[in-house]
C-alpha atoms as a PDB file:
ATOM      1  CA  MET A   1       9.162   4.428 -17.427  1.00  0.00           C
ATOM      2  CA  ASP A   2      10.221   7.887 -16.339  1.00  0.00           C
ATOM      3  CA  TYR A   3      12.588   7.301 -13.454  1.00  0.00           C
ATOM      4  CA  GLU A   4      14.158  10.770 -13.665  1.00  0.00           C
ATOM      5  CA  ARG A   5      10.734  12.346 -13.171  1.00  0.00           C
ATOM      6  CA  ILE A   6      10.072  10.076 -10.176  1.00  0.00           C
ATOM      7  CA  ARG A   7      13.459  11.057  -8.732  1.00  0.00           C
ATOM      8  CA  ALA A   8      12.764  14.766  -9.228  1.00  0.00           C
ATOM      9  CA  VAL A   9       9.347  14.560  -7.561  1.00  0.00           C
ATOM     10  CA  PHE A  10      10.675  12.454  -4.694  1.00  0.00           C
ATOM     11  CA  THR A  11      13.695  14.632  -3.907  1.00  0.00           C
ATOM     12  CA  ARG A  12      11.552  17.773  -4.096  1.00  0.00           C
ATOM     13  CA  SER A  13       9.125  16.209  -1.591  1.00  0.00           C
ATOM     14  CA  PHE A  14      11.884  14.777   0.623  1.00  0.00           C
ATOM     15  CA  PRO A  15      14.929  17.074   0.573  1.00  0.00           C
ATOM     16  CA  THR A  16      16.770  14.926   3.154  1.00  0.00           C
ATOM     17  CA  GLY A  17      16.362  11.846   0.972  1.00  0.00           C
ATOM     18  CA  GLU A  18      17.230  10.354  -2.372  1.00  0.00           C
ATOM     19  CA  PHE A  19      15.719   8.159  -5.074  1.00  0.00           C
ATOM     20  CA  THR A  20      17.857   5.913  -7.271  1.00  0.00           C
ATOM     21  CA  SER A  21      17.108   3.293  -9.919  1.00  0.00           C
ATOM     22  CA  CYS A  22      19.064   0.344 -11.269  1.00  0.00           C
ATOM     23  CA  ASP A  23      18.314  -2.192 -13.999  1.00  0.00           C
ATOM     24  CA  PHE A  24      18.201  -5.503 -12.125  1.00  0.00           C
ATOM     25  CA  ARG A  25      17.831  -7.850 -15.098  1.00  0.00           C
ATOM     26  CA  PRO A  26      18.374 -10.792 -15.161  1.00  0.00           C
ATOM     27  CA  HIS A  27      17.704 -11.096 -11.386  1.00  0.00           C
ATOM     28  CA  ILE A  28      14.257  -9.549 -11.773  1.00  0.00           C
ATOM     29  CA  ASP A  29      12.641  -8.557 -15.053  1.00  0.00           C
ATOM     30  CA  GLY A  30      12.736  -4.861 -14.269  1.00  0.00           C
ATOM     31  CA  HIS A  31      14.327  -2.126 -12.239  1.00  0.00           C
ATOM     32  CA  GLY A  32      15.087  -1.919  -8.556  1.00  0.00           C
ATOM     33  CA  HIS A  33      14.504   1.442  -6.929  1.00  0.00           C
ATOM     34  CA  ASN A  34      15.763   2.807  -3.627  1.00  0.00           C
ATOM     35  CA  ALA A  35      13.993   5.639  -1.853  1.00  0.00           C
ATOM     36  CA  TRP A  36      15.238   6.817   1.510  1.00  0.00           C
ATOM     37  CA  VAL A  37      14.844   9.691   3.913  1.00  0.00           C
ATOM     38  CA  GLY A  38      17.274  10.832   6.586  1.00  0.00           C
ATOM     39  CA  ILE A  39      15.872  12.049   9.891  1.00  0.00           C
ATOM     40  CA  LEU A  40      17.348  13.401  13.104  1.00  0.00           C
ATOM     41  CA  PRO A  41      16.764  11.642  16.412  1.00  0.00           C
ATOM     42  CA  ALA A  42      13.839  12.957  18.421  1.00  0.00           C
ATOM     43  CA  GLU A  43      13.815  13.299  22.212  1.00  0.00           C
ATOM     44  CA  SER A  44      13.282   9.580  22.824  1.00  0.00           C
ATOM     45  CA  LEU A  45      13.471   6.171  21.228  1.00  0.00           C
ATOM     46  CA  ALA A  46       9.662   5.937  21.043  1.00  0.00           C
ATOM     47  CA  GLU A  47       9.305   9.372  19.430  1.00  0.00           C
ATOM     48  CA  THR A  48      12.082   8.659  16.917  1.00  0.00           C
ATOM     49  CA  ARG A  49      10.489   5.312  15.998  1.00  0.00           C
ATOM     50  CA  ARG A  50       7.087   7.011  15.550  1.00  0.00           C
ATOM     51  CA  LEU A  51       8.703   9.658  13.355  1.00  0.00           C
ATOM     52  CA  ALA A  52      10.420   6.995  11.206  1.00  0.00           C
ATOM     53  CA  TYR A  53       7.168   5.098  10.627  1.00  0.00           C
ATOM     54  CA  ASN A  54       5.397   8.365   9.761  1.00  0.00           C
ATOM     55  CA  TRP A  55       8.074   9.182   7.167  1.00  0.00           C
ATOM     56  CA  LEU A  56       7.716   5.686   5.706  1.00  0.00           C
ATOM     57  CA  ALA A  57       3.972   6.205   5.250  1.00  0.00           C
ATOM     58  CA  GLU A  58       4.563   9.660   3.733  1.00  0.00           C
ATOM     59  CA  MET A  59       7.015   8.215   1.210  1.00  0.00           C
ATOM     60  CA  VAL A  60       4.496   5.587   0.103  1.00  0.00           C
ATOM     61  CA  ASP A  61       1.746   8.223  -0.163  1.00  0.00           C
ATOM     62  CA  ALA A  62       3.996  10.476  -2.264  1.00  0.00           C
ATOM     63  CA  LEU A  63       4.899   7.616  -4.631  1.00  0.00           C
ATOM     64  CA  ARG A  64       1.342   6.251  -5.105  1.00  0.00           C
ATOM     65  CA  PRO A  65       0.315   8.734  -7.820  1.00  0.00           C
ATOM     66  CA  LEU A  66       3.589   8.027  -9.659  1.00  0.00           C
ATOM     67  CA  ARG A  67       2.766   4.307 -10.065  1.00  0.00           C
ATOM     68  CA  PRO A  68       2.168   4.606 -13.849  1.00  0.00           C
ATOM     69  CA  LEU A  69       5.768   5.822 -14.279  1.00  0.00           C
ATOM     70  CA  PHE A  70       7.219   2.529 -12.985  1.00  0.00           C
ATOM     71  CA  GLY A  71       7.746  -0.618 -15.041  1.00  0.00           C
ATOM     72  CA  PRO A  72       5.423  -3.624 -14.563  1.00  0.00           C
ATOM     73  CA  GLN A  73       8.082  -5.789 -12.862  1.00  0.00           C
ATOM     74  CA  ASP A  74       9.839  -3.070 -10.863  1.00  0.00           C
ATOM     75  CA  ARG A  75      10.449  -3.274  -7.133  1.00  0.00           C
ATOM     76  CA  ILE A  76      11.039  -0.487  -4.662  1.00  0.00           C
ATOM     77  CA  GLN A  77      12.962  -0.493  -1.432  1.00  0.00           C
ATOM     78  CA  LEU A  78      12.147   2.215   1.121  1.00  0.00           C
ATOM     79  CA  ALA A  79      14.324   3.125   4.089  1.00  0.00           C
ATOM     80  CA  VAL A  80      14.326   5.674   6.888  1.00  0.00           C
ATOM     81  CA  GLY A  81      17.480   6.333   8.857  1.00  0.00           C
ATOM     82  CA  PHE A  82      19.959   8.821  10.209  1.00  0.00           C
ATOM     83  CA  PRO A  83      22.456  10.853   8.208  1.00  0.00           C
ATOM     84  CA  GLN A  84      26.060   9.685   8.605  1.00  0.00           C
ATOM     85  CA  SER A  85      26.755  12.818  10.658  1.00  0.00           C
ATOM     86  CA  VAL A  86      24.471  11.359  13.349  1.00  0.00           C
ATOM     87  CA  ARG A  87      25.376   7.716  13.064  1.00  0.00           C
ATOM     88  CA  ALA A  88      27.775   6.012  10.638  1.00  0.00           C
ATOM     89  CA  ILE A  89      27.007   2.411  11.702  1.00  0.00           C
ATOM     90  CA  ASN A  90      23.473   1.044  12.161  1.00  0.00           C
ATOM     91  CA  CYS A  91      22.139   4.243  10.637  1.00  0.00           C
ATOM     92  CA  GLN A  92      19.022   2.633   9.113  1.00  0.00           C
ATOM     93  CA  ILE A  93      16.029   2.516  11.416  1.00  0.00           C
ATOM     94  CA  LEU A  94      13.709   0.586   9.120  1.00  0.00           C
ATOM     95  CA  LYS A  95      13.701  -0.767   5.600  1.00  0.00           C
ATOM     96  CA  GLY A  96      11.424  -2.771   3.343  1.00  0.00           C
ATOM     97  CA  TRP A  97      10.609  -3.533  -0.266  1.00  0.00           C
ATOM     98  CA  PHE A  98       7.619  -4.497  -2.401  1.00  0.00           C
ATOM     99  CA  PRO A  99       6.599  -4.688  -6.093  1.00  0.00           C
ATOM    100  CA  THR A 100       5.733  -1.240  -7.458  1.00  0.00           C
ATOM    101  CA  LEU A 101       2.525  -2.652  -8.967  1.00  0.00           C
ATOM    102  CA  ARG A 102       1.278  -2.835  -5.382  1.00  0.00           C
ATOM    103  CA  LEU A 103       1.823   0.872  -4.616  1.00  0.00           C
ATOM    104  CA  VAL A 104      -1.936   1.348  -4.897  1.00  0.00           C
ATOM    105  CA  ASP A 105      -2.796  -1.050  -2.082  1.00  0.00           C
ATOM    106  CA  VAL A 106       0.255  -1.316   0.193  1.00  0.00           C
ATOM    107  CA  GLU A 107      -0.335  -0.264   3.802  1.00  0.00           C
ATOM    108  CA  PRO A 108       3.001   0.472   5.487  1.00  0.00           C
ATOM    109  CA  PRO A 109       4.639  -1.244   7.219  1.00  0.00           C
ATOM    110  CA  ASP A 110       2.796  -4.409   6.090  1.00  0.00           C
ATOM    111  CA  PHE A 111       4.846  -4.948   2.935  1.00  0.00           C
ATOM    112  CA  ALA A 112       4.497  -8.729   3.279  1.00  0.00           C
ATOM    113  CA  ALA A 113       0.769  -8.425   2.495  1.00  0.00           C
ATOM    114  CA  VAL A 114       1.684  -7.254  -1.020  1.00  0.00           C
ATOM    115  CA  GLY A 115       4.545  -9.691  -1.663  1.00  0.00           C
ATOM    116  CA  GLY A 116       7.394  -7.752  -0.076  1.00  0.00           C
ATOM    117  CA  GLU A 117       9.365  -7.690   3.136  1.00  0.00           C
ATOM    118  CA  PHE A 118       9.881  -5.226   5.978  1.00  0.00           C
ATOM    119  CA  GLY A 119      12.121  -4.984   9.006  1.00  0.00           C
ATOM    120  CA  GLU A 120      13.362  -2.699  11.729  1.00  0.00           C
ATOM    121  CA  ASN A 121      17.063  -2.641  12.555  1.00  0.00           C
ATOM    122  CA  ASP A 122      17.429  -4.102  16.054  1.00  0.00           C
ATOM    123  CA  ALA A 123      20.441  -1.918  16.872  1.00  0.00           C
ATOM    124  CA  TRP A 124      19.491   1.500  15.462  1.00  0.00           C
ATOM    125  CA  HIS A 125      18.901   2.991  18.903  1.00  0.00           C
ATOM    126  CA  VAL A 126      21.770   1.456  20.875  1.00  0.00           C
ATOM    127  CA  GLY A 127      23.768   4.188  22.613  1.00  0.00           C
ATOM    128  CA  LEU A 128      22.001   7.004  20.801  1.00  0.00           C
ATOM    129  CA  TRP A 129      20.608   8.778  23.876  1.00  0.00           C
ATOM    130  CA  GLU A 130      23.476   7.849  26.189  1.00  0.00           C
ATOM    131  CA  ARG A 131      25.975  10.391  24.890  1.00  0.00           C
END
Protein backbone atom coordinates (compact mmCIF):
# COMPACT_ATOMS: atom_id res chain seq x y z
CA MET A 1 0.00 0.00 0.00
CA ASP A 2 1.53 3.25 -1.15
CA TYR A 3 -0.77 5.93 0.21
CA GLU A 4 1.80 8.72 -0.15
CA ARG A 5 2.07 8.00 -3.87
CA ILE A 6 -1.73 8.04 -4.19
CA ARG A 7 -1.82 11.37 -2.33
CA ALA A 8 0.88 12.86 -4.57
CA VAL A 9 -0.90 11.79 -7.77
CA PHE A 10 -4.27 12.97 -6.50
CA THR A 11 -3.13 16.41 -5.33
CA ARG A 12 -1.20 16.93 -8.57
CA SER A 13 -4.37 16.10 -10.54
CA PHE A 14 -6.66 18.11 -8.24
CA PRO A 15 -4.80 21.14 -6.86
CA THR A 16 -7.93 22.43 -5.07
CA GLY A 17 -8.32 19.12 -3.24
CA GLU A 18 -6.66 16.79 -0.80
CA PHE A 19 -6.20 13.08 -0.15
CA THR A 20 -5.75 11.69 3.36
CA SER A 21 -5.52 8.19 4.82
CA CYS A 22 -6.19 6.78 8.27
CA ASP A 23 -5.85 3.28 9.72
CA PHE A 24 -9.41 2.37 10.69
CA ARG A 25 -8.72 -0.95 12.42
CA PRO A 26 -10.51 -2.40 14.33
CA HIS A 27 -13.64 -0.75 12.80
CA ILE A 28 -12.73 -2.02 9.34
CA ASP A 29 -9.79 -4.26 8.51
CA GLY A 30 -7.98 -1.58 6.54
CA HIS A 31 -7.58 2.10 5.89
CA GLY A 32 -10.14 4.79 5.31
CA HIS A 33 -9.27 7.38 2.70
CA ASN A 34 -10.74 10.81 2.08
CA ALA A 35 -10.45 12.51 -1.29
CA TRP A 36 -12.09 15.86 -1.86
CA VAL A 37 -12.10 18.72 -4.30
CA GLY A 38 -13.11 22.32 -3.67
CA ILE A 39 -14.98 24.16 -6.41
CA LEU A 40 -16.37 27.66 -6.82
CA PRO A 41 -20.07 28.23 -7.43
CA ALA A 42 -21.07 28.52 -11.07
CA GLU A 43 -23.71 30.92 -12.39
CA SER A 44 -26.64 28.80 -11.18
CA LEU A 45 -27.61 25.98 -8.88
CA ALA A 46 -28.04 23.59 -11.82
CA GLU A 47 -24.65 24.46 -13.32
CA THR A 48 -22.90 24.14 -9.95
CA ARG A 49 -24.54 20.75 -9.33
CA ARG A 50 -23.48 19.56 -12.82
CA LEU A 51 -19.94 20.74 -12.14
CA ALA A 52 -19.84 18.90 -8.78
CA TYR A 53 -20.99 15.62 -10.34
CA ASN A 54 -18.42 16.03 -13.13
CA TRP A 55 -15.64 16.50 -10.57
CA LEU A 56 -16.83 13.40 -8.71
CA ALA A 57 -16.57 11.33 -11.89
CA GLU A 58 -13.12 12.80 -12.65
CA MET A 59 -11.88 11.87 -9.18
CA VAL A 60 -13.02 8.26 -9.62
CA ASP A 61 -11.42 8.10 -13.09
CA ALA A 62 -8.13 9.47 -11.73
CA LEU A 63 -8.09 6.92 -8.88
CA ARG A 64 -9.00 3.84 -10.98
CA PRO A 65 -5.46 3.13 -12.22
CA LEU A 66 -4.17 3.49 -8.65
CA ARG A 67 -6.35 0.61 -7.37
CA PRO A 68 -3.37 -1.75 -6.88
CA LEU A 69 -1.86 0.74 -4.40
CA PHE A 70 -4.80 0.38 -1.99
CA GLY A 71 -5.22 -2.36 0.60
CA PRO A 72 -7.78 -5.15 0.04
CA GLN A 73 -10.16 -3.93 2.76
CA ASP A 74 -9.72 -0.18 2.27
CA ARG A 75 -12.61 2.22 1.76
CA ILE A 76 -12.61 5.62 0.13
CA GLN A 77 -14.84 8.58 0.75
CA LEU A 78 -15.11 11.20 -2.01
CA ALA A 79 -16.53 14.69 -1.56
CA VAL A 80 -17.00 17.81 -3.65
CA GLY A 81 -17.71 21.12 -1.98
CA PHE A 82 -16.85 24.76 -1.57
CA PRO A 83 -13.75 26.19 0.07
CA GLN A 84 -14.40 27.77 3.48
CA SER A 85 -13.85 31.19 1.89
CA VAL A 86 -17.08 30.62 -0.06
CA ARG A 87 -19.12 28.83 2.55
CA ALA A 88 -18.12 27.77 6.08
CA ILE A 89 -21.33 25.85 6.89
CA ASN A 90 -22.95 23.33 4.54
CA CYS A 91 -19.89 23.56 2.33
CA GLN A 92 -20.12 19.97 1.02
CA ILE A 93 -22.27 19.56 -2.06
CA LEU A 94 -22.04 15.79 -2.32
CA LYS A 95 -20.25 12.94 -0.61
CA GLY A 96 -20.09 9.17 -0.82
CA TRP A 97 -17.95 6.16 -0.04
CA PHE A 98 -17.29 2.66 -1.37
CA PRO A 99 -14.73 -0.18 -1.01
CA THR A 100 -11.57 0.56 -3.00
CA LEU A 101 -11.70 -2.96 -4.49
CA ARG A 102 -14.67 -1.68 -6.49
CA LEU A 103 -12.79 1.25 -8.09
CA VAL A 104 -12.69 -0.76 -11.32
CA ASP A 105 -16.46 -1.00 -11.68
CA VAL A 106 -18.01 1.89 -9.74
CA GLU A 107 -20.13 4.27 -11.81
CA PRO A 108 -20.55 7.57 -9.95
CA PRO A 109 -22.79 8.49 -8.28
CA ASP A 110 -24.18 4.94 -7.90
CA PHE A 111 -21.92 3.95 -5.02
CA ALA A 112 -24.66 1.74 -3.55
CA ALA A 113 -24.28 -0.64 -6.52
CA VAL A 114 -20.77 -1.49 -5.29
CA GLY A 115 -21.54 -1.68 -1.56
CA GLY A 116 -21.17 1.98 -0.65
CA GLU A 117 -23.34 5.00 -0.03
CA PHE A 118 -23.84 8.39 -1.67
CA GLY A 119 -25.72 11.56 -0.86
CA GLU A 120 -26.17 15.19 -1.78
CA ASN A 121 -26.34 17.79 0.98
CA ASP A 122 -29.89 19.18 0.95
CA ALA A 123 -28.76 22.63 2.10
CA TRP A 124 -25.60 23.27 0.07
CA HIS A 125 -27.30 25.82 -2.18
CA VAL A 126 -29.46 27.69 0.34
CA GLY A 127 -28.79 31.43 0.11
CA LEU A 128 -25.80 31.02 -2.17
CA TRP A 129 -27.13 33.07 -5.10
CA GLU A 130 -29.16 35.49 -2.99
CA ARG A 131 -26.26 37.63 -1.80
